[in-house]
N, C-alpha and C. Protein backbone atom coordinates (compact mmCIF):
# COMPACT_ATOMS: atom_id res chain seq x y z
N MET A 1 94.87 113.50 44.39
CA MET A 1 92.85 113.61 44.03
C MET A 1 92.44 112.47 43.46
N PHE A 2 91.46 112.43 43.70
CA PHE A 2 90.55 110.79 44.11
C PHE A 2 89.96 111.21 42.35
N SER A 3 89.49 110.07 41.52
CA SER A 3 88.92 110.56 40.43
C SER A 3 87.55 110.20 40.45
N THR A 4 86.73 111.21 39.43
CA THR A 4 85.32 110.82 39.88
C THR A 4 84.65 111.32 38.85
N THR A 5 83.61 109.93 38.20
CA THR A 5 82.53 110.80 37.12
C THR A 5 81.18 111.61 37.61
N GLY A 6 81.76 111.86 39.15
CA GLY A 6 80.26 111.86 39.13
C GLY A 6 80.27 113.55 39.43
N HIS A 7 79.32 114.05 39.81
CA HIS A 7 79.33 115.95 40.35
C HIS A 7 78.88 116.51 41.43
N ARG A 8 79.87 117.51 41.83
CA ARG A 8 79.75 117.74 43.05
C ARG A 8 78.25 118.61 43.35
N ASP A 9 78.11 119.31 42.68
CA ASP A 9 76.72 120.28 43.04
C ASP A 9 75.79 119.38 42.76
N PHE A 10 75.35 118.03 42.40
CA PHE A 10 74.32 117.11 42.30
C PHE A 10 74.59 117.00 43.87
N VAL A 11 75.31 116.95 44.84
CA VAL A 11 74.84 116.52 46.33
C VAL A 11 74.32 117.93 47.23
N ARG A 12 73.32 117.77 47.09
CA ARG A 12 72.50 118.56 47.69
C ARG A 12 71.53 118.46 49.26
N TRP A 13 71.70 117.39 49.84
CA TRP A 13 71.20 116.57 50.84
C TRP A 13 71.30 116.48 52.13
N GLY A 14 73.17 117.29 51.64
CA GLY A 14 73.95 116.56 53.44
C GLY A 14 75.34 117.09 52.68
N PRO A 15 76.16 117.02 53.60
CA PRO A 15 77.46 117.35 53.04
C PRO A 15 78.38 116.48 52.40
N LEU A 16 79.24 116.98 51.62
CA LEU A 16 80.35 116.16 50.63
C LEU A 16 81.54 116.09 50.98
N VAL A 17 81.67 115.02 51.72
CA VAL A 17 83.40 114.12 51.67
C VAL A 17 83.38 113.79 50.84
N GLY A 18 85.06 114.43 50.52
CA GLY A 18 85.60 113.90 48.70
C GLY A 18 86.23 112.53 49.42
N GLY A 19 87.03 111.35 48.75
CA GLY A 19 87.55 110.38 48.65
C GLY A 19 87.38 109.43 47.83
N ASP A 20 88.48 108.42 48.19
CA ASP A 20 88.04 107.41 47.13
C ASP A 20 87.63 105.54 47.98
N ILE A 21 86.52 105.47 47.35
CA ILE A 21 86.12 104.06 48.48
C ILE A 21 87.30 102.77 48.54
N SER A 22 88.16 102.82 47.86
CA SER A 22 89.19 101.85 48.12
C SER A 22 90.25 102.31 49.10
N ASP A 23 89.90 103.11 49.71
CA ASP A 23 90.57 104.35 50.82
C ASP A 23 90.05 103.50 52.12
N LYS A 24 90.59 102.52 52.45
CA LYS A 24 89.05 102.37 53.73
C LYS A 24 89.50 103.27 55.04
N ALA A 25 90.68 103.33 55.40
CA ALA A 25 90.87 104.88 56.20
C ALA A 25 89.85 105.55 55.93
N ALA A 26 89.66 106.25 55.12
CA ALA A 26 89.11 107.09 54.82
C ALA A 26 87.72 107.31 55.02
N VAL A 27 86.91 106.22 54.41
CA VAL A 27 86.27 105.60 54.18
C VAL A 27 85.46 105.28 55.63
N PHE A 28 86.16 104.96 56.69
CA PHE A 28 86.09 104.32 58.15
C PHE A 28 85.96 106.18 59.03
N ALA A 29 86.69 106.83 58.08
CA ALA A 29 86.46 108.04 58.71
C ALA A 29 85.10 108.99 58.45
N ALA A 30 84.90 108.90 57.31
CA ALA A 30 83.43 109.26 57.06
C ALA A 30 82.30 108.72 56.99
N LEU A 31 82.52 107.38 57.83
CA LEU A 31 81.30 106.73 58.35
C LEU A 31 81.40 107.08 59.94
N THR A 32 81.92 107.29 60.29
CA THR A 32 82.20 107.59 61.84
C THR A 32 82.23 109.00 62.61
N ALA A 33 82.20 110.02 61.70
CA ALA A 33 81.96 111.25 61.91
C ALA A 33 80.71 111.83 61.79
N GLN A 34 79.77 111.11 61.48
CA GLN A 34 77.91 110.94 62.02
C GLN A 34 77.62 110.11 61.94
N PRO A 35 76.47 110.56 62.62
CA PRO A 35 75.45 108.94 62.54
C PRO A 35 74.84 108.80 61.25
N VAL A 36 75.02 107.78 61.00
CA VAL A 36 74.95 107.25 59.99
C VAL A 36 73.64 105.73 59.70
N ARG A 37 72.31 105.87 58.73
CA ARG A 37 71.38 104.85 59.10
C ARG A 37 71.88 103.38 58.15
N ALA A 38 72.33 104.19 57.05
CA ALA A 38 72.51 103.02 55.96
C ALA A 38 73.33 103.58 54.96
N VAL A 39 73.80 102.66 54.02
CA VAL A 39 75.00 103.43 53.01
C VAL A 39 74.37 102.71 51.91
N LEU A 40 74.25 103.15 50.56
CA LEU A 40 74.00 104.00 49.58
C LEU A 40 75.07 103.35 48.21
N HIS A 41 75.43 101.93 48.00
CA HIS A 41 76.53 101.88 47.40
C HIS A 41 75.98 102.46 46.05
N PHE A 42 76.73 103.29 45.24
CA PHE A 42 76.68 103.59 43.86
C PHE A 42 77.34 104.26 43.24
N ALA A 43 78.54 104.08 43.90
CA ALA A 43 80.28 104.18 42.98
C ALA A 43 80.78 103.42 42.27
N ALA A 44 80.84 103.30 41.18
CA ALA A 44 81.18 102.26 40.17
C ALA A 44 81.76 103.01 39.02
N CYS A 45 82.38 102.15 38.35
CA CYS A 45 83.05 102.26 36.61
C CYS A 45 81.73 101.55 36.12
N ALA A 46 80.96 102.29 34.96
CA ALA A 46 79.53 101.74 34.59
C ALA A 46 79.08 101.88 33.02
N TYR A 47 80.44 101.99 32.45
CA TYR A 47 80.27 101.88 30.56
C TYR A 47 80.28 100.38 30.41
N VAL A 48 79.29 99.87 29.97
CA VAL A 48 79.06 97.92 29.49
C VAL A 48 80.25 97.81 28.53
N GLY A 49 80.46 98.44 27.64
CA GLY A 49 81.44 98.14 26.21
C GLY A 49 82.97 98.10 27.19
N GLU A 50 83.31 99.02 27.65
CA GLU A 50 85.05 99.62 27.87
C GLU A 50 85.28 98.64 28.82
N PRO A 51 84.58 97.86 29.93
CA PRO A 51 85.99 96.76 30.83
C PRO A 51 85.99 95.71 29.94
N VAL A 52 85.58 95.56 28.73
CA VAL A 52 85.98 94.35 27.53
C VAL A 52 87.74 94.95 27.37
N SER A 53 88.02 96.09 27.00
CA SER A 53 89.55 96.63 26.58
C SER A 53 90.16 96.72 27.70
N ASP A 54 89.44 97.25 29.10
CA ASP A 54 90.25 98.04 30.31
C ASP A 54 89.44 96.83 31.63
N PRO A 55 89.63 95.93 31.69
CA PRO A 55 88.91 95.04 33.25
C PRO A 55 89.69 95.63 34.27
N ARG A 56 91.27 95.99 34.10
CA ARG A 56 91.53 96.01 35.63
C ARG A 56 90.80 97.08 35.79
N LYS A 57 90.06 97.91 35.28
CA LYS A 57 89.60 99.20 35.96
C LYS A 57 88.21 98.89 36.34
N TYR A 58 87.96 98.03 35.76
CA TYR A 58 86.24 97.54 36.40
C TYR A 58 86.35 96.71 37.83
N TYR A 59 87.55 96.01 37.41
CA TYR A 59 87.37 95.28 38.76
C TYR A 59 88.34 95.66 39.80
N GLU A 60 89.32 96.85 40.35
CA GLU A 60 89.84 97.73 40.89
C GLU A 60 88.99 98.63 41.85
N THR A 61 87.73 99.31 40.81
CA THR A 61 86.98 100.21 41.23
C THR A 61 85.94 99.36 42.04
N ASN A 62 85.18 98.13 41.14
CA ASN A 62 84.14 97.69 41.35
C ASN A 62 83.84 96.69 42.44
N VAL A 63 85.25 95.97 42.46
CA VAL A 63 84.84 94.87 43.12
C VAL A 63 86.11 95.30 44.58
N VAL A 64 87.38 95.91 43.77
CA VAL A 64 88.36 96.23 45.25
C VAL A 64 87.39 97.10 46.07
N GLY A 65 87.13 98.23 45.31
CA GLY A 65 86.60 99.38 46.15
C GLY A 65 85.64 98.95 46.82
N SER A 66 84.39 97.96 46.51
CA SER A 66 83.17 97.49 47.30
C SER A 66 83.95 97.03 48.50
N LEU A 67 84.94 96.17 48.47
CA LEU A 67 84.94 95.37 49.68
C LEU A 67 85.97 96.31 50.53
N SER A 68 86.71 97.02 50.08
CA SER A 68 87.36 98.13 51.00
C SER A 68 85.91 98.66 51.71
N LEU A 69 85.38 99.56 51.05
CA LEU A 69 83.87 99.66 51.81
C LEU A 69 82.84 98.97 52.70
N LEU A 70 82.89 97.64 52.15
CA LEU A 70 82.35 96.59 53.31
C LEU A 70 82.96 96.70 54.44
N SER A 71 84.19 96.31 54.24
CA SER A 71 85.58 96.53 55.44
C SER A 71 84.99 97.79 56.42
N ALA A 72 85.32 98.81 55.87
CA ALA A 72 85.22 100.10 56.85
C ALA A 72 83.76 99.59 57.44
N MET A 73 82.83 99.48 56.50
CA MET A 73 81.73 99.37 57.08
C MET A 73 81.26 98.51 59.04
N VAL A 74 82.06 97.18 58.29
CA VAL A 74 81.63 96.17 59.76
C VAL A 74 82.45 96.78 61.12
N ASP A 75 83.72 97.16 60.53
CA ASP A 75 84.74 97.95 61.47
C ASP A 75 83.95 99.26 61.97
N ALA A 76 83.56 99.89 61.29
CA ALA A 76 82.44 100.74 61.89
C ALA A 76 81.30 100.39 62.67
N GLY A 77 80.50 99.73 62.27
CA GLY A 77 79.44 98.57 62.97
C GLY A 77 78.44 99.55 62.44
N TYR A 78 78.26 99.49 61.00
CA TYR A 78 76.89 99.84 60.36
C TYR A 78 76.62 98.31 59.60
N ASP A 79 75.46 97.85 59.52
CA ASP A 79 75.26 96.93 58.84
C ASP A 79 73.97 96.53 57.71
N LYS A 80 74.18 98.07 57.50
CA LYS A 80 72.25 97.94 56.24
C LYS A 80 73.09 98.83 55.15
N ILE A 81 73.20 98.04 53.96
CA ILE A 81 73.61 98.49 52.18
C ILE A 81 72.96 98.38 51.38
N VAL A 82 72.69 99.35 51.02
CA VAL A 82 71.70 98.90 49.15
C VAL A 82 72.98 99.07 48.13
N PHE A 83 72.94 98.05 47.40
CA PHE A 83 74.20 98.00 46.20
C PHE A 83 73.24 98.25 45.25
N LEU A 84 74.09 99.42 43.89
CA LEU A 84 73.60 99.40 42.81
C LEU A 84 74.33 98.00 41.93
N SER A 85 73.29 97.06 41.77
CA SER A 85 74.17 96.10 40.83
C SER A 85 73.51 96.50 39.61
N SER A 86 73.28 95.82 38.72
CA SER A 86 72.81 95.38 37.19
C SER A 86 72.39 94.47 36.94
N CYS A 87 71.55 94.69 35.63
CA CYS A 87 70.62 93.73 35.03
C CYS A 87 71.73 92.75 34.15
N ALA A 88 73.41 93.54 33.80
CA ALA A 88 74.34 92.70 32.92
C ALA A 88 74.66 91.47 33.69
N VAL A 89 74.45 90.94 35.14
CA VAL A 89 74.57 89.89 35.57
C VAL A 89 74.07 88.94 35.14
N TYR A 90 72.96 88.74 34.46
CA TYR A 90 72.28 88.18 34.05
C TYR A 90 72.84 87.31 32.37
N GLY A 91 73.86 88.50 31.89
CA GLY A 91 74.24 88.07 30.59
C GLY A 91 72.94 88.06 29.28
N GLU A 92 73.06 86.77 28.67
CA GLU A 92 72.15 86.85 27.99
C GLU A 92 70.99 85.78 27.87
N PRO A 93 69.66 86.22 29.23
CA PRO A 93 68.73 84.97 29.65
C PRO A 93 68.11 84.54 28.48
N ASP A 94 67.98 82.97 28.77
CA ASP A 94 67.01 82.14 27.88
C ASP A 94 65.46 82.65 28.07
N ASP A 95 64.72 83.11 28.28
CA ASP A 95 63.70 83.95 28.93
C ASP A 95 63.49 85.17 29.10
N VAL A 96 62.53 85.90 28.46
CA VAL A 96 62.15 87.60 28.71
C VAL A 96 60.59 87.55 28.40
N PRO A 97 60.14 88.33 30.03
CA PRO A 97 61.17 89.28 30.80
C PRO A 97 62.01 88.33 31.71
N ILE A 98 62.70 89.06 31.98
CA ILE A 98 63.68 87.98 33.08
C ILE A 98 63.58 88.39 34.57
N ARG A 99 62.97 87.07 34.98
CA ARG A 99 62.95 87.16 36.72
C ARG A 99 64.06 87.23 37.29
N GLU A 100 63.79 87.83 38.51
CA GLU A 100 64.74 87.47 39.67
C GLU A 100 65.72 86.17 39.92
N THR A 101 64.65 85.43 39.66
CA THR A 101 65.50 84.01 40.13
C THR A 101 66.14 83.42 38.80
N ALA A 102 66.39 83.80 37.59
CA ALA A 102 66.92 83.62 36.73
C ALA A 102 68.60 83.55 36.93
N PRO A 103 69.16 82.60 36.34
CA PRO A 103 70.76 82.28 36.37
C PRO A 103 71.34 83.27 35.82
N LYS A 104 72.47 83.88 36.73
CA LYS A 104 73.74 84.84 36.54
C LYS A 104 74.59 84.35 35.87
N ASN A 105 75.03 84.56 34.49
CA ASN A 105 75.89 84.78 33.72
C ASN A 105 76.31 85.42 32.60
N PRO A 106 77.36 86.55 33.80
CA PRO A 106 77.64 87.76 32.83
C PRO A 106 78.44 87.62 31.91
N LEU A 107 78.38 88.55 30.91
CA LEU A 107 79.41 87.96 29.52
C LEU A 107 80.52 89.17 29.50
N SER A 108 80.38 90.03 30.42
CA SER A 108 81.32 91.52 30.76
C SER A 108 81.83 91.51 32.00
N PRO A 109 82.97 91.65 32.15
CA PRO A 109 84.07 92.12 33.17
C PRO A 109 82.92 92.95 34.09
N TYR A 110 82.19 94.26 33.33
CA TYR A 110 81.57 94.63 34.02
C TYR A 110 80.38 94.15 34.85
N GLY A 111 79.61 92.75 34.31
CA GLY A 111 78.61 91.86 34.92
C GLY A 111 79.01 91.50 36.02
N ALA A 112 80.43 90.76 35.48
CA ALA A 112 81.28 90.00 36.76
C ALA A 112 81.27 90.84 37.63
N SER A 113 81.80 91.69 37.73
CA SER A 113 82.16 92.77 38.37
C SER A 113 81.06 92.59 39.84
N LYS A 114 80.24 93.28 39.40
CA LYS A 114 78.60 93.02 39.76
C LYS A 114 78.62 92.16 40.47
N MET A 115 78.16 90.75 40.19
CA MET A 115 78.20 89.73 40.39
C MET A 115 79.24 89.50 42.01
N MET A 116 80.55 89.83 41.52
CA MET A 116 81.32 89.49 42.62
C MET A 116 81.12 89.80 44.08
N VAL A 117 80.72 91.34 43.55
CA VAL A 117 80.10 92.16 45.17
C VAL A 117 78.89 91.80 45.40
N GLU A 118 77.97 91.00 44.60
CA GLU A 118 76.74 90.27 45.42
C GLU A 118 76.99 89.24 46.00
N ARG A 119 78.01 88.12 45.80
CA ARG A 119 78.67 87.55 46.21
C ARG A 119 79.07 87.84 47.69
N ALA A 120 79.77 88.55 47.75
CA ALA A 120 80.42 89.47 48.69
C ALA A 120 79.19 89.98 49.82
N LEU A 121 78.42 90.48 49.27
CA LEU A 121 77.20 91.23 50.09
C LEU A 121 76.76 89.62 51.05
N SER A 122 76.17 88.68 50.33
CA SER A 122 76.05 87.35 50.84
C SER A 122 76.90 86.81 51.67
N ASP A 123 78.14 86.90 51.50
CA ASP A 123 79.13 85.92 52.41
C ASP A 123 78.96 86.90 53.89
N TYR A 124 78.95 88.39 53.56
CA TYR A 124 79.41 88.78 54.76
C TYR A 124 78.02 89.27 55.69
N GLY A 125 76.71 88.74 54.94
CA GLY A 125 75.72 88.78 55.47
C GLY A 125 75.18 87.66 56.53
N ARG A 126 75.94 86.55 55.92
CA ARG A 126 76.17 85.10 57.20
C ARG A 126 77.24 85.43 58.04
N ALA A 127 77.78 85.65 57.39
CA ALA A 127 79.48 86.35 58.48
C ALA A 127 79.33 87.43 59.56
N TYR A 128 78.68 88.31 58.92
CA TYR A 128 78.81 89.63 59.89
C TYR A 128 77.50 90.57 59.80
N GLY A 129 76.70 89.46 59.55
CA GLY A 129 74.90 90.28 59.79
C GLY A 129 74.89 91.52 58.85
N LEU A 130 75.75 91.57 58.18
CA LEU A 130 75.47 92.61 57.17
C LEU A 130 73.79 92.31 56.51
N LYS A 131 72.93 93.55 56.30
CA LYS A 131 71.71 93.23 55.35
C LYS A 131 72.10 94.37 54.33
N SER A 132 71.24 93.70 52.88
CA SER A 132 71.96 94.14 51.99
C SER A 132 70.63 93.85 50.70
N ILE A 133 70.57 94.90 50.30
CA ILE A 133 69.68 94.74 48.52
C ILE A 133 70.38 95.14 47.65
N ALA A 134 70.08 94.39 46.34
CA ALA A 134 71.15 94.62 45.42
C ALA A 134 69.91 95.12 44.53
N LEU A 135 69.68 96.03 44.07
CA LEU A 135 69.19 96.65 42.65
C LEU A 135 69.54 96.27 41.57
N ARG A 136 69.10 95.45 40.58
CA ARG A 136 69.18 94.45 39.58
C ARG A 136 69.00 96.10 38.01
N TYR A 137 69.68 96.97 38.37
CA TYR A 137 68.88 97.76 36.97
C TYR A 137 68.98 97.52 35.47
N PHE A 138 67.63 97.85 35.08
CA PHE A 138 67.70 97.99 33.55
C PHE A 138 67.59 99.34 32.99
N ASN A 139 68.59 99.65 32.54
CA ASN A 139 68.35 101.22 31.84
C ASN A 139 68.11 101.89 32.20
N ALA A 140 67.98 101.91 34.28
CA ALA A 140 67.18 103.28 34.93
C ALA A 140 67.73 104.65 34.46
N ALA A 141 66.84 105.31 34.50
CA ALA A 141 66.81 106.96 34.11
C ALA A 141 66.07 107.79 35.11
N GLY A 142 66.47 109.21 35.29
CA GLY A 142 65.20 110.04 35.91
C GLY A 142 65.87 110.84 36.44
N ALA A 143 64.92 112.20 36.94
CA ALA A 143 65.84 113.10 38.14
C ALA A 143 64.98 113.67 39.22
N ASP A 144 65.56 114.97 40.14
CA ASP A 144 64.39 115.03 40.97
C ASP A 144 62.89 115.61 40.60
N PRO A 145 62.25 115.35 41.24
CA PRO A 145 60.71 116.21 41.07
C PRO A 145 61.71 117.56 40.22
N ASP A 146 62.11 118.25 41.10
CA ASP A 146 62.57 119.89 41.06
C ASP A 146 63.45 119.89 40.00
N ARG A 147 63.85 118.90 39.37
CA ARG A 147 64.50 118.75 38.14
C ARG A 147 66.50 119.98 38.48
N LYS A 148 66.48 119.81 39.67
CA LYS A 148 68.05 120.38 39.92
C LYS A 148 68.84 119.04 39.76
N ILE A 149 68.49 118.18 39.69
CA ILE A 149 69.35 116.71 39.41
C ILE A 149 68.94 115.86 38.43
N GLY A 150 69.81 115.29 37.72
CA GLY A 150 69.33 114.45 36.65
C GLY A 150 70.23 113.44 36.16
N GLU A 151 70.18 113.01 34.60
CA GLU A 151 70.96 112.44 33.52
C GLU A 151 72.15 113.87 33.34
N GLN A 152 73.54 113.30 33.36
CA GLN A 152 74.53 114.00 32.98
C GLN A 152 75.40 113.30 32.83
N ARG A 153 75.77 112.75 31.46
CA ARG A 153 77.24 112.09 31.48
C ARG A 153 77.84 111.96 30.08
N ASP A 154 78.99 112.54 29.86
CA ASP A 154 79.71 112.66 28.56
C ASP A 154 80.60 111.45 28.11
N PRO A 155 80.64 110.49 27.60
CA PRO A 155 79.56 110.32 26.52
C PRO A 155 78.09 109.60 27.46
N GLU A 156 76.71 109.82 26.65
CA GLU A 156 75.73 109.59 27.14
C GLU A 156 75.46 107.95 26.18
N THR A 157 75.54 107.14 27.05
CA THR A 157 75.31 105.91 26.27
C THR A 157 73.81 104.67 26.94
N HIS A 158 73.16 105.39 27.38
CA HIS A 158 72.14 104.95 28.17
C HIS A 158 70.44 105.01 27.08
N LEU A 159 69.74 103.59 27.09
CA LEU A 159 69.17 104.29 26.09
C LEU A 159 68.17 105.05 26.50
N ILE A 160 67.01 105.37 28.07
CA ILE A 160 66.66 105.96 28.08
C ILE A 160 66.97 107.78 28.15
N PRO A 161 67.89 107.95 28.63
CA PRO A 161 68.60 109.30 28.69
C PRO A 161 68.85 109.53 26.90
N ARG A 162 68.97 109.11 26.11
CA ARG A 162 69.38 108.78 24.63
C ARG A 162 68.53 109.33 23.97
N ALA A 163 66.86 108.62 24.17
CA ALA A 163 65.78 108.34 23.69
C ALA A 163 65.08 110.30 23.99
N LEU A 164 65.46 110.41 25.60
CA LEU A 164 64.92 111.74 25.38
C LEU A 164 65.45 113.03 25.27
N MET A 165 67.16 112.50 25.15
CA MET A 165 67.69 113.79 24.20
C MET A 165 67.40 113.55 22.75
N SER A 166 66.86 112.98 22.28
CA SER A 166 66.19 112.49 20.75
C SER A 166 65.43 113.22 20.80
N LEU A 167 64.31 113.17 21.86
CA LEU A 167 63.25 114.45 21.83
C LEU A 167 62.89 115.61 21.72
N GLN A 168 64.24 115.70 22.72
CA GLN A 168 64.61 117.24 22.42
C GLN A 168 65.43 117.74 21.35
N GLY A 169 65.81 116.85 20.96
CA GLY A 169 66.66 117.70 19.00
C GLY A 169 68.10 117.82 19.51
N HIS A 170 67.96 116.96 20.85
CA HIS A 170 70.01 117.20 21.08
C HIS A 170 70.79 116.13 20.20
N ILE A 171 70.15 115.19 20.03
CA ILE A 171 71.20 114.22 19.02
C ILE A 171 70.20 113.60 17.97
N SER A 172 70.61 113.29 16.98
CA SER A 172 69.79 113.02 15.63
C SER A 172 69.94 111.31 15.08
N ASP A 173 71.02 111.15 15.68
CA ASP A 173 71.48 109.46 15.28
C ASP A 173 71.48 108.39 15.87
N PHE A 174 70.20 108.79 17.25
CA PHE A 174 69.41 107.50 17.69
C PHE A 174 69.39 106.46 17.08
N ALA A 175 70.15 105.50 17.53
CA ALA A 175 70.01 103.92 16.95
C ALA A 175 70.29 102.93 17.95
N VAL A 176 69.55 102.09 18.04
CA VAL A 176 69.70 100.93 19.05
C VAL A 176 69.79 99.60 18.79
N PHE A 177 70.78 98.75 18.97
CA PHE A 177 71.47 97.88 18.30
C PHE A 177 71.13 97.87 16.87
N ASP A 178 70.15 96.99 16.36
CA ASP A 178 70.66 96.93 14.92
C ASP A 178 69.33 97.23 14.38
N GLY A 179 68.34 97.65 14.89
CA GLY A 179 67.21 98.39 14.54
C GLY A 179 66.89 100.12 14.78
N ARG A 180 66.31 100.56 14.15
CA ARG A 180 66.22 102.02 14.25
C ARG A 180 65.01 102.00 15.25
N ALA A 181 65.70 103.02 16.72
CA ALA A 181 64.77 103.53 17.46
C ALA A 181 63.98 104.77 17.14
N ILE A 182 62.80 104.70 17.17
CA ILE A 182 61.83 105.95 16.37
C ILE A 182 61.51 106.55 17.58
N VAL A 183 60.98 107.64 17.77
CA VAL A 183 60.35 108.58 18.78
C VAL A 183 59.20 109.48 17.82
N LEU A 184 58.25 108.95 18.41
CA LEU A 184 56.75 110.26 17.98
C LEU A 184 55.92 110.44 18.60
N ARG A 185 55.87 111.94 18.71
CA ARG A 185 55.01 112.66 19.51
C ARG A 185 53.82 112.34 19.47
N ASN A 186 52.49 112.46 20.27
CA ASN A 186 51.55 112.29 19.78
C ASN A 186 50.85 113.48 21.43
N GLU A 187 49.68 112.88 21.66
CA GLU A 187 48.59 114.21 22.41
C GLU A 187 49.23 113.26 23.88
N LYS A 188 49.76 112.75 24.37
CA LYS A 188 49.74 112.14 25.25
C LYS A 188 51.02 112.06 26.07
N GLY A 189 51.97 112.80 24.89
CA GLY A 189 53.62 112.28 25.35
C GLY A 189 54.23 111.66 23.96
N ALA A 190 54.73 110.89 24.21
CA ALA A 190 56.08 110.17 22.96
C ALA A 190 55.74 108.86 23.67
N VAL A 191 56.16 108.29 21.94
CA VAL A 191 55.68 106.89 22.38
C VAL A 191 57.43 106.81 21.48
N LEU A 192 57.58 105.64 22.35
CA LEU A 192 59.35 104.98 21.64
C LEU A 192 58.76 103.85 21.23
N THR A 193 59.42 103.34 20.40
CA THR A 193 59.38 101.90 19.30
C THR A 193 60.97 101.70 18.72
N LEU A 194 61.36 100.27 18.98
CA LEU A 194 62.27 99.91 18.59
C LEU A 194 62.25 98.78 17.63
N SER A 195 62.70 98.97 16.20
CA SER A 195 62.57 98.29 14.94
C SER A 195 61.20 98.28 15.10
N GLY A 196 60.35 98.88 14.89
CA GLY A 196 58.45 98.73 14.79
C GLY A 196 57.81 98.04 15.73
N ARG A 197 58.33 97.99 17.18
CA ARG A 197 57.42 97.42 17.61
C ARG A 197 57.73 98.27 18.80
N GLN A 198 56.19 98.84 19.62
CA GLN A 198 56.55 99.86 20.51
C GLN A 198 56.88 99.44 21.78
N VAL A 199 57.66 100.07 22.79
CA VAL A 199 58.55 99.39 23.95
C VAL A 199 58.22 100.48 25.52
N GLY A 200 57.80 101.74 24.98
CA GLY A 200 57.35 102.77 26.03
C GLY A 200 56.67 103.53 25.94
N LEU A 201 56.04 104.79 26.40
CA LEU A 201 55.23 105.67 26.86
C LEU A 201 56.18 106.58 27.17
N ILE A 202 56.17 107.73 26.61
CA ILE A 202 56.73 108.14 27.77
C ILE A 202 55.82 109.30 28.00
N ALA A 203 55.31 109.28 28.72
CA ALA A 203 54.00 110.22 29.14
C ALA A 203 54.33 111.62 29.90
N ASN A 204 53.50 112.54 30.02
CA ASN A 204 53.46 113.83 30.14
C ASN A 204 54.85 114.52 30.14
N ALA A 205 55.12 114.57 29.31
CA ALA A 205 56.56 114.50 28.88
C ALA A 205 56.88 116.29 28.79
N ASP A 206 57.72 116.71 30.33
CA ASP A 206 58.47 117.71 29.89
C ASP A 206 59.53 118.60 29.03
N LEU A 207 59.42 118.51 27.74
CA LEU A 207 60.88 118.26 26.70
C LEU A 207 61.82 119.45 27.11
N SER A 208 61.60 120.49 28.03
CA SER A 208 62.16 121.51 28.36
C SER A 208 63.35 120.75 29.30
N GLY A 209 62.99 119.86 30.22
CA GLY A 209 64.06 119.19 31.19
C GLY A 209 63.81 117.51 31.47
N LEU A 210 64.27 117.63 32.38
CA LEU A 210 64.34 115.92 32.67
C LEU A 210 63.68 115.06 33.45
N ALA A 211 62.30 115.82 34.24
CA ALA A 211 61.66 115.46 34.45
C ALA A 211 60.54 114.60 33.80
N ILE A 212 60.74 113.11 33.87
CA ILE A 212 59.86 112.30 32.99
C ILE A 212 58.98 111.37 33.88
N SER A 213 57.86 110.94 33.60
CA SER A 213 57.24 110.05 34.11
C SER A 213 57.20 109.15 32.95
N LEU A 214 57.92 107.48 33.59
CA LEU A 214 57.77 106.42 32.41
C LEU A 214 56.71 105.49 32.66
N ARG A 215 56.05 104.35 32.04
CA ARG A 215 55.19 104.19 31.97
C ARG A 215 54.84 102.99 30.72
């Protein structure tokens, strides 16, 4: 049985095919079982701190697994992929806000694994005509408009979901880095501040659910 941190009940707009992306034959079978317009590759280990103590897990899943997927795509004749990368590829940037063209210098095996896959995508593009987009997310969070699926991790370590959990009263020890994160309700929704500096407005917040618009 393959291991996953996903949720089977989140698959609502198509068939669920269970398998491991490192199993190239299984991935090829899934790709050729029905027409596929593009691949959205979101499967990965993604806790930033964990890979320092267990780098093998991250390189095997994020790099070896991704290469298996890319190989199956090439064999099956598919040439479009959206890859979930990470802002961790930049490490500690010299300039903020970070530009897409900023130098990549990952500080953790997690960030390094994402950078390696981005390099593989570039090489596969030149050699096999693979068209790819790498999304370097910064604390992305959200839910579908009907609030049927959304943020659901245990433990939850991401900034925005923890801010929302604090708003909803699920946690009381919400702190970020070396400063306190404070959430203040007002007539427009709620304001998130870090170390006394406003960093975001949670607008039109329905605090009973997970569908939140962030501005």
